[in-house]
Amino acid sequence: MIQYLSILLDAKFNKDEERGATAVEYGLLVALIAAVIIATVVLLGDSISDAFRDTSTAVDNPPAAPAD
């Protein structure tokens, strides 16, 4: 009987350790994704800003329609 309880307790603790490991893995994955997003914004920030600025200018000042 004691051996059976020992096996049950070991299984429970192993399951808890796996949950903790899974949570850590998800945390690392979220941190990696955040780092990639931040790096992308830092590296491409000026290009993206210029593209939006050009688009905004084009929308604010559309070219004149050709005369028929």
PDB file of N, CA and C in Angstrom:
ATOM      1  N   MET A   1       0.820  -1.190   0.000  1.00  0.00           N
ATOM      2  CA  MET A   1       0.000   0.000   0.000  1.00  0.00           C
ATOM      3  C   MET A   1       0.870   1.262   0.000  1.00  0.00           C
ATOM      4  N   ILE A   2       1.911   1.261   0.803  1.00  0.00           N
ATOM      5  CA  ILE A   2       2.796   2.421   0.866  1.00  0.00           C
ATOM      6  C   ILE A   2       3.510   2.631  -0.465  1.00  0.00           C
ATOM      7  N   GLN A   3       3.872   1.533  -1.076  1.00  0.00           N
ATOM      8  CA  GLN A   3       4.526   1.634  -2.377  1.00  0.00           C
ATOM      9  C   GLN A   3       3.565   2.249  -3.404  1.00  0.00           C
ATOM     10  N   TYR A   4       2.282   1.886  -3.353  1.00  0.00           N
ATOM     11  CA  TYR A   4       1.274   2.436  -4.261  1.00  0.00           C
ATOM     12  C   TYR A   4       1.131   3.940  -4.046  1.00  0.00           C
ATOM     13  N   LEU A   5       1.076   4.380  -2.792  1.00  0.00           N
ATOM     14  CA  LEU A   5       0.981   5.813  -2.492  1.00  0.00           C
ATOM     15  C   LEU A   5       2.229   6.555  -2.955  1.00  0.00           C
ATOM     16  N   SER A   6       3.368   5.935  -2.810  1.00  0.00           N
ATOM     17  CA  SER A   6       4.615   6.536  -3.272  1.00  0.00           C
ATOM     18  C   SER A   6       4.597   6.749  -4.778  1.00  0.00           C
ATOM     19  N   ILE A   7       4.085   5.749  -5.495  1.00  0.00           N
ATOM     20  CA  ILE A   7       3.995   5.872  -6.959  1.00  0.00           C
ATOM     21  C   ILE A   7       3.040   6.990  -7.329  1.00  0.00           C
ATOM     22  N   LEU A   8       1.900   7.077  -6.659  1.00  0.00           N
ATOM     23  CA  LEU A   8       0.935   8.148  -6.942  1.00  0.00           C
ATOM     24  C   LEU A   8       1.528   9.532  -6.676  1.00  0.00           C
ATOM     25  N   LEU A   9       2.228   9.671  -5.567  1.00  0.00           N
ATOM     26  CA  LEU A   9       2.839  10.960  -5.238  1.00  0.00           C
ATOM     27  C   LEU A   9       3.930  11.327  -6.240  1.00  0.00           C
ATOM     28  N   ASP A  10       4.722  10.363  -6.642  1.00  0.00           N
ATOM     29  CA  ASP A  10       5.753  10.633  -7.644  1.00  0.00           C
ATOM     30  C   ASP A  10       5.131  11.084  -8.956  1.00  0.00           C
ATOM     31  N   ALA A  11       4.050  10.435  -9.345  1.00  0.00           N
ATOM     32  CA  ALA A  11       3.376  10.815 -10.591  1.00  0.00           C
ATOM     33  C   ALA A  11       2.825  12.228 -10.491  1.00  0.00           C
ATOM     34  N   LYS A  12       2.254  12.581  -9.342  1.00  0.00           N
ATOM     35  CA  LYS A  12       1.703  13.927  -9.162  1.00  0.00           C
ATOM     36  C   LYS A  12       2.799  14.974  -9.229  1.00  0.00           C
ATOM     37  N   PHE A  13       3.907  14.746  -8.566  1.00  0.00           N
ATOM     38  CA  PHE A  13       4.996  15.724  -8.573  1.00  0.00           C
ATOM     39  C   PHE A  13       5.616  15.857  -9.961  1.00  0.00           C
ATOM     40  N   ASN A  14       5.742  14.760 -10.669  1.00  0.00           N
ATOM     41  CA  ASN A  14       6.279  14.828 -12.035  1.00  0.00           C
ATOM     42  C   ASN A  14       5.348  15.628 -12.931  1.00  0.00           C
ATOM     43  N   LYS A  15       4.054  15.457 -12.749  1.00  0.00           N
ATOM     44  CA  LYS A  15       3.077  16.204 -13.545  1.00  0.00           C
ATOM     45  C   LYS A  15       3.183  17.701 -13.245  1.00  0.00           C
ATOM     46  N   ASP A  16       3.341  18.050 -11.964  1.00  0.00           N
ATOM     47  CA  ASP A  16       3.500  19.459 -11.587  1.00  0.00           C
ATOM     48  C   ASP A  16       4.779  20.041 -12.173  1.00  0.00           C
ATOM     49  N   GLU A  17       5.850  19.251 -12.192  1.00  0.00           N
ATOM     50  CA  GLU A  17       7.107  19.725 -12.770  1.00  0.00           C
ATOM     51  C   GLU A  17       6.960  19.965 -14.270  1.00  0.00           C
ATOM     52  N   GLU A  18       6.207  19.098 -14.945  1.00  0.00           N
ATOM     53  CA  GLU A  18       5.980  19.271 -16.378  1.00  0.00           C
ATOM     54  C   GLU A  18       5.177  20.533 -16.647  1.00  0.00           C
ATOM     55  N   ARG A  19       4.178  20.815 -15.809  1.00  0.00           N
ATOM     56  CA  ARG A  19       3.404  22.044 -15.970  1.00  0.00           C
ATOM     57  C   ARG A  19       4.294  23.266 -15.802  1.00  0.00           C
ATOM     58  N   GLY A  20       5.166  23.220 -14.805  1.00  0.00           N
ATOM     59  CA  GLY A  20       6.086  24.333 -14.588  1.00  0.00           C
ATOM     60  C   GLY A  20       7.039  24.497 -15.756  1.00  0.00           C
ATOM     61  N   ALA A  21       7.519  23.387 -16.282  1.00  0.00           N
ATOM     62  CA  ALA A  21       8.420  23.453 -17.434  1.00  0.00           C
ATOM     63  C   ALA A  21       7.700  24.001 -18.647  1.00  0.00           C
ATOM     64  N   THR A  22       6.455  23.619 -18.833  1.00  0.00           N
ATOM     65  CA  THR A  22       5.675  24.119 -19.965  1.00  0.00           C
ATOM     66  C   THR A  22       5.458  25.619 -19.824  1.00  0.00           C
ATOM     67  N   ALA A  23       5.160  26.075 -18.620  1.00  0.00           N
ATOM     68  CA  ALA A  23       4.958  27.508 -18.397  1.00  0.00           C
ATOM     69  C   ALA A  23       6.239  28.289 -18.698  1.00  0.00           C
ATOM     70  N   VAL A  24       7.365  27.752 -18.295  1.00  0.00           N
ATOM     71  CA  VAL A  24       8.645  28.406 -18.575  1.00  0.00           C
ATOM     72  C   VAL A  24       8.904  28.435 -20.077  1.00  0.00           C
ATOM     73  N   GLU A  25       8.601  27.348 -20.760  1.00  0.00           N
ATOM     74  CA  GLU A  25       8.807  27.305 -22.214  1.00  0.00           C
ATOM     75  C   GLU A  25       7.937  28.346 -22.913  1.00  0.00           C
ATOM     76  N   TYR A  26       6.677  28.464 -22.505  1.00  0.00           N
ATOM     77  CA  TYR A  26       5.803  29.477 -23.094  1.00  0.00           C
ATOM     78  C   TYR A  26       6.316  30.883 -22.780  1.00  0.00           C
ATOM     79  N   GLY A  27       6.813  31.089 -21.588  1.00  0.00           N
ATOM     80  CA  GLY A  27       7.375  32.385 -21.228  1.00  0.00           C
ATOM     81  C   GLY A  27       8.577  32.740 -22.088  1.00  0.00           C
ATOM     82  N   LEU A  28       9.440  31.770 -22.324  1.00  0.00           N
ATOM     83  CA  LEU A  28      10.602  32.003 -23.185  1.00  0.00           C
ATOM     84  C   LEU A  28      10.173  32.285 -24.621  1.00  0.00           C
ATOM     85  N   LEU A  29       9.155  31.589 -25.078  1.00  0.00           N
ATOM     86  CA  LEU A  29       8.649  31.814 -26.437  1.00  0.00           C
ATOM     87  C   LEU A  29       8.080  33.221 -26.582  1.00  0.00           C
ATOM     88  N   VAL A  30       7.330  33.671 -25.597  1.00  0.00           N
ATOM     89  CA  VAL A  30       6.778  35.031 -25.620  1.00  0.00           C
ATOM     90  C   VAL A  30       7.908  36.058 -25.594  1.00  0.00           C
ATOM     91  N   ALA A  31       8.919  35.826 -24.784  1.00  0.00           N
ATOM     92  CA  ALA A  31      10.057  36.744 -24.717  1.00  0.00           C
ATOM     93  C   ALA A  31      10.799  36.797 -26.054  1.00  0.00           C
ATOM     94  N   LEU A  32      10.956  35.652 -26.695  1.00  0.00           N
ATOM     95  CA  LEU A  32      11.628  35.614 -27.999  1.00  0.00           C
ATOM     96  C   LEU A  32      10.821  36.377 -29.047  1.00  0.00           C
ATOM     97  N   ILE A  33       9.520  36.184 -29.066  1.00  0.00           N
ATOM     98  CA  ILE A  33       8.673  36.895 -30.026  1.00  0.00           C
ATOM     99  C   ILE A  33       8.736  38.399 -29.772  1.00  0.00           C
ATOM    100  N   ALA A  34       8.695  38.804 -28.516  1.00  0.00           N
ATOM    101  CA  ALA A  34       8.789  40.227 -28.182  1.00  0.00           C
ATOM    102  C   ALA A  34      10.134  40.797 -28.633  1.00  0.00           C
ATOM    103  N   ALA A  35      11.208  40.051 -28.438  1.00  0.00           N
ATOM    104  CA  ALA A  35      12.529  40.528 -28.856  1.00  0.00           C
ATOM    105  C   ALA A  35      12.607  40.692 -30.371  1.00  0.00           C
ATOM    106  N   VAL A  36      12.001  39.771 -31.111  1.00  0.00           N
ATOM    107  CA  VAL A  36      12.002  39.875 -32.572  1.00  0.00           C
ATOM    108  C   VAL A  36      11.201  41.088 -33.020  1.00  0.00           C
ATOM    109  N   ILE A  37      10.055  41.327 -32.403  1.00  0.00           N
ATOM    110  CA  ILE A  37       9.239  42.492 -32.751  1.00  0.00           C
ATOM    111  C   ILE A  37       9.987  43.778 -32.452  1.00  0.00           C
ATOM    112  N   ILE A  38      10.616  43.864 -31.297  1.00  0.00           N
ATOM    113  CA  ILE A  38      11.364  45.072 -30.924  1.00  0.00           C
ATOM    114  C   ILE A  38      12.528  45.294 -31.885  1.00  0.00           C
ATOM    115  N   ALA A  39      13.258  44.229 -32.210  1.00  0.00           N
ATOM    116  CA  ALA A  39      14.383  44.359 -33.138  1.00  0.00           C
ATOM    117  C   ALA A  39      13.905  44.815 -34.510  1.00  0.00           C
ATOM    118  N   THR A  40      12.784  44.297 -34.960  1.00  0.00           N
ATOM    119  CA  THR A  40      12.237  44.690 -36.257  1.00  0.00           C
ATOM    120  C   THR A  40      11.858  46.157 -36.265  1.00  0.00           C
ATOM    121  N   VAL A  41      11.208  46.606 -35.215  1.00  0.00           N
ATOM    122  CA  VAL A  41      10.806  48.011 -35.136  1.00  0.00           C
ATOM    123  C   VAL A  41      12.033  48.919 -35.088  1.00  0.00           C
ATOM    124  N   VAL A  42      13.048  48.519 -34.344  1.00  0.00           N
ATOM    125  CA  VAL A  42      14.258  49.338 -34.240  1.00  0.00           C
ATOM    126  C   VAL A  42      14.984  49.394 -35.586  1.00  0.00           C
ATOM    127  N   LEU A  43      15.106  48.254 -36.241  1.00  0.00           N
ATOM    128  CA  LEU A  43      15.858  48.207 -37.500  1.00  0.00           C
ATOM    129  C   LEU A  43      15.092  48.806 -38.672  1.00  0.00           C
ATOM    130  N   LEU A  44      13.793  48.608 -38.714  1.00  0.00           N
ATOM    131  CA  LEU A  44      13.005  49.067 -39.855  1.00  0.00           C
ATOM    132  C   LEU A  44      12.113  50.262 -39.526  1.00  0.00           C
ATOM    133  N   GLY A  45      12.251  50.805 -38.349  1.00  0.00           N
ATOM    134  CA  GLY A  45      11.383  51.884 -37.908  1.00  0.00           C
ATOM    135  C   GLY A  45      11.380  53.084 -38.839  1.00  0.00           C
ATOM    136  N   ASP A  46      12.551  53.546 -39.264  1.00  0.00           N
ATOM    137  CA  ASP A  46      12.622  54.715 -40.142  1.00  0.00           C
ATOM    138  C   ASP A  46      11.996  54.429 -41.506  1.00  0.00           C
ATOM    139  N   SER A  47      12.241  53.254 -42.045  1.00  0.00           N
ATOM    140  CA  SER A  47      11.664  52.897 -43.345  1.00  0.00           C
ATOM    141  C   SER A  47      10.146  52.830 -43.268  1.00  0.00           C
ATOM    142  N   ILE A  48       9.643  52.225 -42.208  1.00  0.00           N
ATOM    143  CA  ILE A  48       8.193  52.125 -42.039  1.00  0.00           C
ATOM    144  C   ILE A  48       7.590  53.507 -41.839  1.00  0.00           C
ATOM    145  N   SER A  49       8.243  54.329 -41.052  1.00  0.00           N
ATOM    146  CA  SER A  49       7.761  55.694 -40.826  1.00  0.00           C
ATOM    147  C   SER A  49       7.718  56.488 -42.128  1.00  0.00           C
ATOM    148  N   ASP A  50       8.757  56.367 -42.937  1.00  0.00           N
ATOM    149  CA  ASP A  50       8.799  57.061 -44.241  1.00  0.00           C
ATOM    150  C   ASP A  50       7.674  56.574 -45.154  1.00  0.00           C
ATOM    151  N   ALA A  51       7.428  55.284 -45.162  1.00  0.00           N
ATOM    152  CA  ALA A  51       6.372  54.736 -46.016  1.00  0.00           C
ATOM    153  C   ALA A  51       5.008  55.274 -45.596  1.00  0.00           C
ATOM    154  N   PHE A  52       4.744  55.323 -44.299  1.00  0.00           N
ATOM    155  CA  PHE A  52       3.469  55.863 -43.827  1.00  0.00           C
ATOM    156  C   PHE A  52       3.368  57.357 -44.115  1.00  0.00           C
ATOM    157  N   ARG A  53       4.467  58.073 -43.955  1.00  0.00           N
ATOM    158  CA  ARG A  53       4.465  59.506 -44.236  1.00  0.00           C
ATOM    159  C   ARG A  53       4.171  59.767 -45.714  1.00  0.00           C
ATOM    160  N   ASP A  54       4.810  59.003 -46.606  1.00  0.00           N
ATOM    161  CA  ASP A  54       4.572  59.148 -48.045  1.00  0.00           C
ATOM    162  C   ASP A  54       3.118  58.827 -48.397  1.00  0.00           C
ATOM    163  N   THR A  55       2.589  57.786 -47.793  1.00  0.00           N
ATOM    164  CA  THR A  55       1.200  57.406 -48.046  1.00  0.00           C
ATOM    165  C   THR A  55       0.250  58.494 -47.554  1.00  0.00           C
ATOM    166  N   SER A  56       0.521  59.020 -46.384  1.00  0.00           N
ATOM    167  CA  SER A  56      -0.317  60.089 -45.833  1.00  0.00           C
ATOM    168  C   SER A  56      -0.269  61.331 -46.714  1.00  0.00           C
ATOM    169  N   THR A  57       0.899  61.680 -47.200  1.00  0.00           N
ATOM    170  CA  THR A  57       1.042  62.842 -48.088  1.00  0.00           C
ATOM    171  C   THR A  57       0.281  62.618 -49.388  1.00  0.00           C
ATOM    172  N   ALA A  58       0.355  61.417 -49.934  1.00  0.00           N
ATOM    173  CA  ALA A  58      -0.347  61.108 -51.177  1.00  0.00           C
ATOM    174  C   ALA A  58      -1.860  61.173 -50.986  1.00  0.00           C
ATOM    175  N   VAL A  59      -2.342  60.770 -49.831  1.00  0.00           N
ATOM    176  CA  VAL A  59      -3.781  60.811 -49.570  1.00  0.00           C
ATOM    177  C   VAL A  59      -4.233  62.258 -49.354  1.00  0.00           C
ATOM    178  N   ASP A  60      -3.419  63.052 -48.655  1.00  0.00           N
ATOM    179  CA  ASP A  60      -3.771  64.448 -48.392  1.00  0.00           C
ATOM    180  C   ASP A  60      -3.713  65.300 -49.657  1.00  0.00           C
ATOM    181  N   ASN A  61      -2.781  65.009 -50.554  1.00  0.00           N
ATOM    182  CA  ASN A  61      -2.595  65.800 -51.774  1.00  0.00           C
ATOM    183  C   ASN A  61      -2.665  64.889 -52.999  1.00  0.00           C
ATOM    184  N   PRO A  62      -3.856  64.450 -53.387  1.00  0.00           N
ATOM    185  CA  PRO A  62      -3.929  63.542 -54.541  1.00  0.00           C
ATOM    186  C   PRO A  62      -3.581  64.279 -55.829  1.00  0.00           C
ATOM    187  N   PRO A  63      -3.024  63.565 -56.779  1.00  0.00           N
ATOM    188  CA  PRO A  63      -2.691  64.213 -58.053  1.00  0.00           C
ATOM    189  C   PRO A  63      -3.980  64.627 -58.782  1.00  0.00           C
ATOM    190  N   ALA A  64      -3.867  65.662 -59.587  1.00  0.00           N
ATOM    191  CA  ALA A  64      -5.034  66.140 -60.328  1.00  0.00           C
ATOM    192  C   ALA A  64      -5.432  65.119 -61.383  1.00  0.00           C
ATOM    193  N   ALA A  65      -6.725  65.015 -61.627  1.00  0.00           N
ATOM    194  CA  ALA A  65      -7.228  64.089 -62.637  1.00  0.00           C
ATOM    195  C   ALA A  65      -6.866  64.620 -64.019  1.00  0.00           C
ATOM    196  N   PRO A  66      -6.504  63.741 -64.928  1.00  0.00           N
ATOM    197  CA  PRO A  66      -6.148  64.202 -66.273  1.00  0.00           C
ATOM    198  C   PRO A  66      -7.376  64.796 -66.990  1.00  0.00           C
ATOM    199  N   ALA A  67      -7.139  65.843 -67.727  1.00  0.00           N
ATOM    200  CA  ALA A  67      -8.229  66.495 -68.463  1.00  0.00           C
ATOM    201  C   ALA A  67      -8.496  65.719 -69.742  1.00  0.00           C
ATOM    202  N   ASP A  68      -9.764  65.524 -70.047  1.00  0.00           N
ATOM    203  CA  ASP A  68     -10.127  64.816 -71.283  1.00  0.00           C
ATOM    204  C   ASP A  68     -10.435  65.782 -72.387  1.00  0.00           C
TER     205      ASP A  68
END
